[in-house]
PDB file of N, CA and C in Angstrom:
ATOM      1  N   MET A   1     -65.412  39.626  54.707  1.00  0.00           N
ATOM      2  CA  MET A   1     -66.411  38.583  54.786  1.00  0.00           C
ATOM      3  C   MET A   1     -65.726  37.222  54.659  1.00  0.00           C
ATOM      4  N   GLY A   2     -66.006  36.394  55.589  1.00  0.00           N
ATOM      5  CA  GLY A   2     -65.433  35.050  55.552  1.00  0.00           C
ATOM      6  C   GLY A   2     -66.487  34.015  55.212  1.00  0.00           C
ATOM      7  N   PHE A   3     -66.031  32.897  54.745  1.00  0.00           N
ATOM      8  CA  PHE A   3     -66.931  31.799  54.410  1.00  0.00           C
ATOM      9  C   PHE A   3     -66.613  30.645  55.350  1.00  0.00           C
ATOM     10  N   GLU A   4     -67.636  30.159  56.012  1.00  0.00           N
ATOM     11  CA  GLU A   4     -67.434  29.092  56.977  1.00  0.00           C
ATOM     12  C   GLU A   4     -68.202  27.863  56.518  1.00  0.00           C
ATOM     13  N   LEU A   5     -67.504  26.754  56.423  1.00  0.00           N
ATOM     14  CA  LEU A   5     -68.121  25.500  56.011  1.00  0.00           C
ATOM     15  C   LEU A   5     -68.171  24.588  57.226  1.00  0.00           C
ATOM     16  N   VAL A   6     -69.358  24.136  57.558  1.00  0.00           N
ATOM     17  CA  VAL A   6     -69.532  23.280  58.722  1.00  0.00           C
ATOM     18  C   VAL A   6     -69.900  21.886  58.231  1.00  0.00           C
ATOM     19  N   ILE A   7     -69.076  20.915  58.576  1.00  0.00           N
ATOM     20  CA  ILE A   7     -69.352  19.520  58.240  1.00  0.00           C
ATOM     21  C   ILE A   7     -69.461  18.763  59.555  1.00  0.00           C
ATOM     22  N   SER A   8     -70.553  18.076  59.723  1.00  0.00           N
ATOM     23  CA  SER A   8     -70.786  17.402  60.992  1.00  0.00           C
ATOM     24  C   SER A   8     -70.010  16.084  61.067  1.00  0.00           C
ATOM     25  N   LEU A   9     -69.727  15.657  62.255  1.00  0.00           N
ATOM     26  CA  LEU A   9     -69.014  14.409  62.485  1.00  0.00           C
ATOM     27  C   LEU A   9     -69.798  13.201  61.973  1.00  0.00           C
ATOM     28  N   PRO A  10     -71.122  13.119  62.175  1.00  0.00           N
ATOM     29  CA  PRO A  10     -71.855  11.977  61.617  1.00  0.00           C
ATOM     30  C   PRO A  10     -71.751  11.890  60.091  1.00  0.00           C
ATOM     31  N   LEU A  11     -71.696  13.027  59.408  1.00  0.00           N
ATOM     32  CA  LEU A  11     -71.555  13.012  57.952  1.00  0.00           C
ATOM     33  C   LEU A  11     -70.194  12.448  57.551  1.00  0.00           C
ATOM     34  N   ILE A  12     -69.157  12.834  58.259  1.00  0.00           N
ATOM     35  CA  ILE A  12     -67.819  12.312  57.970  1.00  0.00           C
ATOM     36  C   ILE A  12     -67.778  10.805  58.209  1.00  0.00           C
ATOM     37  N   LEU A  13     -68.345  10.350  59.303  1.00  0.00           N
ATOM     38  CA  LEU A  13     -68.372   8.916  59.595  1.00  0.00           C
ATOM     39  C   LEU A  13     -69.179   8.155  58.550  1.00  0.00           C
ATOM     40  N   PHE A  14     -70.301   8.725  58.118  1.00  0.00           N
ATOM     41  CA  PHE A  14     -71.127   8.083  57.095  1.00  0.00           C
ATOM     42  C   PHE A  14     -70.354   7.941  55.786  1.00  0.00           C
ATOM     43  N   ILE A  15     -69.631   8.972  55.393  1.00  0.00           N
ATOM     44  CA  ILE A  15     -68.854   8.918  54.152  1.00  0.00           C
ATOM     45  C   ILE A  15     -67.738   7.876  54.266  1.00  0.00           C
ATOM     46  N   LEU A  16     -67.085   7.799  55.408  1.00  0.00           N
ATOM     47  CA  LEU A  16     -66.032   6.797  55.595  1.00  0.00           C
ATOM     48  C   LEU A  16     -66.590   5.379  55.547  1.00  0.00           C
ATOM     49  N   ILE A  17     -67.735   5.158  56.181  1.00  0.00           N
ATOM     50  CA  ILE A  17     -68.360   3.830  56.162  1.00  0.00           C
ATOM     51  C   ILE A  17     -68.803   3.475  54.749  1.00  0.00           C
ATOM     52  N   LEU A  18     -69.362   4.444  54.032  1.00  0.00           N
ATOM     53  CA  LEU A  18     -69.795   4.209  52.655  1.00  0.00           C
ATOM     54  C   LEU A  18     -68.599   3.888  51.757  1.00  0.00           C
ATOM     55  N   ALA A  19     -67.503   4.593  51.929  1.00  0.00           N
ATOM     56  CA  ALA A  19     -66.303   4.328  51.129  1.00  0.00           C
ATOM     57  C   ALA A  19     -65.747   2.935  51.425  1.00  0.00           C
ATOM     58  N   LEU A  20     -65.728   2.542  52.679  1.00  0.00           N
ATOM     59  CA  LEU A  20     -65.245   1.213  53.044  1.00  0.00           C
ATOM     60  C   LEU A  20     -66.145   0.124  52.469  1.00  0.00           C
ATOM     61  N   ALA A  21     -67.454   0.350  52.510  1.00  0.00           N
ATOM     62  CA  ALA A  21     -68.393  -0.628  51.955  1.00  0.00           C
ATOM     63  C   ALA A  21     -68.206  -0.776  50.450  1.00  0.00           C
ATOM     64  N   CYS A  22     -68.022   0.324  49.740  1.00  0.00           N
ATOM     65  CA  CYS A  22     -67.800   0.260  48.287  1.00  0.00           C
ATOM     66  C   CYS A  22     -66.488  -0.451  47.974  1.00  0.00           C
ATOM     67  N   TYR A  23     -65.464  -0.199  48.762  1.00  0.00           N
ATOM     68  CA  TYR A  23     -64.176  -0.863  48.557  1.00  0.00           C
ATOM     69  C   TYR A  23     -64.304  -2.371  48.744  1.00  0.00           C
ATOM     70  N   LEU A  24     -64.949  -2.786  49.823  1.00  0.00           N
ATOM     71  CA  LEU A  24     -65.074  -4.214  50.094  1.00  0.00           C
ATOM     72  C   LEU A  24     -65.971  -4.905  49.078  1.00  0.00           C
ATOM     73  N   LEU A  25     -67.045  -4.235  48.652  1.00  0.00           N
ATOM     74  CA  LEU A  25     -67.932  -4.821  47.650  1.00  0.00           C
ATOM     75  C   LEU A  25     -67.204  -4.988  46.317  1.00  0.00           C
ATOM     76  N   GLY A  26     -66.436  -4.000  45.912  1.00  0.00           N
ATOM     77  CA  GLY A  26     -65.674  -4.101  44.676  1.00  0.00           C
ATOM     78  C   GLY A  26     -64.615  -5.190  44.740  1.00  0.00           C
ATOM     79  N   LYS A  27     -63.981  -5.319  45.881  1.00  0.00           N
ATOM     80  CA  LYS A  27     -62.975  -6.361  46.065  1.00  0.00           C
ATOM     81  C   LYS A  27     -63.616  -7.741  45.966  1.00  0.00           C
ATOM     82  N   TYR A  28     -64.784  -7.904  46.577  1.00  0.00           N
ATOM     83  CA  TYR A  28     -65.499  -9.182  46.536  1.00  0.00           C
ATOM     84  C   TYR A  28     -65.925  -9.520  45.115  1.00  0.00           C
ATOM     85  N   ARG A  29     -66.483  -8.548  44.404  1.00  0.00           N
ATOM     86  CA  ARG A  29     -66.924  -8.792  43.024  1.00  0.00           C
ATOM     87  C   ARG A  29     -65.742  -9.083  42.107  1.00  0.00           C
ATOM     88  N   GLY A  30     -64.636  -8.401  42.311  1.00  0.00           N
ATOM     89  CA  GLY A  30     -63.451  -8.642  41.496  1.00  0.00           C
ATOM     90  C   GLY A  30     -62.892 -10.038  41.694  1.00  0.00           C
ATOM     91  N   ARG A  31     -62.846 -10.487  42.940  1.00  0.00           N
ATOM     92  CA  ARG A  31     -62.345 -11.837  43.202  1.00  0.00           C
ATOM     93  C   ARG A  31     -63.298 -12.887  42.641  1.00  0.00           C
ATOM     94  N   LYS A  32     -64.595 -12.637  42.744  1.00  0.00           N
ATOM     95  CA  LYS A  32     -65.585 -13.582  42.223  1.00  0.00           C
ATOM     96  C   LYS A  32     -65.477 -13.668  40.702  1.00  0.00           C
ATOM     97  N   GLN A  33     -65.305 -12.534  40.043  1.00  0.00           N
ATOM     98  CA  GLN A  33     -65.220 -12.506  38.585  1.00  0.00           C
ATOM     99  C   GLN A  33     -63.924 -13.157  38.104  1.00  0.00           C
ATOM    100  N   SER A  34     -62.838 -12.942  38.801  1.00  0.00           N
ATOM    101  CA  SER A  34     -61.560 -13.494  38.348  1.00  0.00           C
ATOM    102  C   SER A  34     -61.516 -15.006  38.509  1.00  0.00           C
ATOM    103  N   SER A  35     -62.221 -15.548  39.487  1.00  0.00           N
ATOM    104  CA  SER A  35     -62.184 -16.996  39.680  1.00  0.00           C
ATOM    105  C   SER A  35     -63.146 -17.721  38.752  1.00  0.00           C
ATOM    106  N   SER A  36     -64.161 -17.039  38.239  1.00  0.00           N
ATOM    107  CA  SER A  36     -65.151 -17.716  37.404  1.00  0.00           C
ATOM    108  C   SER A  36     -64.740 -17.781  35.943  1.00  0.00           C
ATOM    109  N   GLN A  37     -63.957 -16.835  35.453  1.00  0.00           N
ATOM    110  CA  GLN A  37     -63.575 -16.809  34.046  1.00  0.00           C
ATOM    111  C   GLN A  37     -62.056 -16.664  33.926  1.00  0.00           C
ATOM    112  N   PRO A  38     -61.356 -17.786  33.819  1.00  0.00           N
ATOM    113  CA  PRO A  38     -59.906 -17.663  33.652  1.00  0.00           C
ATOM    114  C   PRO A  38     -59.563 -17.093  32.282  1.00  0.00           C
ATOM    115  N   GLN A  39     -58.490 -16.333  32.230  1.00  0.00           N
ATOM    116  CA  GLN A  39     -58.075 -15.739  30.966  1.00  0.00           C
ATOM    117  C   GLN A  39     -57.422 -16.799  30.088  1.00  0.00           C
ATOM    118  N   GLN A  40     -57.680 -16.700  28.812  1.00  0.00           N
ATOM    119  CA  GLN A  40     -57.092 -17.615  27.845  1.00  0.00           C
ATOM    120  C   GLN A  40     -55.928 -16.906  27.157  1.00  0.00           C
ATOM    121  N   TYR A  41     -54.745 -17.435  27.316  1.00  0.00           N
ATOM    122  CA  TYR A  41     -53.573 -16.862  26.671  1.00  0.00           C
ATOM    123  C   TYR A  41     -53.253 -17.691  25.435  1.00  0.00           C
ATOM    124  N   GLY A  42     -53.004 -17.033  24.352  1.00  0.00           N
ATOM    125  CA  GLY A  42     -52.664 -17.727  23.127  1.00  0.00           C
ATOM    126  C   GLY A  42     -52.913 -16.831  21.937  1.00  0.00           C
ATOM    127  N   PRO A  43     -52.658 -17.349  20.742  1.00  0.00           N
ATOM    128  CA  PRO A  43     -52.879 -16.529  19.553  1.00  0.00           C
ATOM    129  C   PRO A  43     -54.370 -16.301  19.322  1.00  0.00           C
ATOM    130  N   PRO A  44     -54.739 -15.167  18.763  1.00  0.00           N
ATOM    131  CA  PRO A  44     -56.152 -14.907  18.506  1.00  0.00           C
ATOM    132  C   PRO A  44     -56.679 -15.806  17.386  1.00  0.00           C
ATOM    133  N   ALA A  45     -57.977 -15.993  17.362  1.00  0.00           N
ATOM    134  CA  ALA A  45     -58.601 -16.812  16.327  1.00  0.00           C
ATOM    135  C   ALA A  45     -58.471 -16.109  14.984  1.00  0.00           C
ATOM    136  N   PRO A  46     -58.259 -16.867  13.924  1.00  0.00           N
ATOM    137  CA  PRO A  46     -58.145 -16.234  12.607  1.00  0.00           C
ATOM    138  C   PRO A  46     -59.490 -15.665  12.172  1.00  0.00           C
ATOM    139  N   PRO A  47     -59.474 -14.610  11.361  1.00  0.00           N
ATOM    140  CA  PRO A  47     -60.743 -14.025  10.915  1.00  0.00           C
ATOM    141  C   PRO A  47     -61.448 -14.954   9.927  1.00  0.00           C
ATOM    142  N   PRO A  48     -62.765 -14.887   9.848  1.00  0.00           N
ATOM    143  CA  PRO A  48     -63.483 -15.728   8.888  1.00  0.00           C
ATOM    144  C   PRO A  48     -63.119 -15.324   7.455  1.00  0.00           C
ATOM    145  N   GLN A  49     -63.113 -16.300   6.580  1.00  0.00           N
ATOM    146  CA  GLN A  49     -62.754 -16.038   5.181  1.00  0.00           C
ATOM    147  C   GLN A  49     -63.858 -15.251   4.495  1.00  0.00           C
ATOM    148  N   ALA A  50     -63.462 -14.256   3.710  1.00  0.00           N
ATOM    149  CA  ALA A  50     -64.434 -13.415   2.996  1.00  0.00           C
ATOM    150  C   ALA A  50     -64.985 -14.179   1.800  1.00  0.00           C
ATOM    151  N   GLN A  51     -66.290 -14.156   1.655  1.00  0.00           N
ATOM    152  CA  GLN A  51     -66.954 -14.813   0.529  1.00  0.00           C
ATOM    153  C   GLN A  51     -67.319 -13.764  -0.507  1.00  0.00           C
ATOM    154  N   PRO A  52     -66.925 -13.940  -1.792  1.00  0.00           N
ATOM    155  CA  PRO A  52     -67.275 -12.926  -2.809  1.00  0.00           C
ATOM    156  C   PRO A  52     -68.740 -12.975  -3.193  1.00  0.00           C
TER     157      PRO A  52
END
């Protein structure tokens, strides 16, 4: 007994288009996020002093 898996060409094309769309959307969001909030390099802020 053999098992045969049939995947149609439109399904393959749909998955490729969906993957490309997700890639481009993520790239766009990443570039937008990186330009809006620059990273601050430096020493961390000191912790607040404990009050007894």
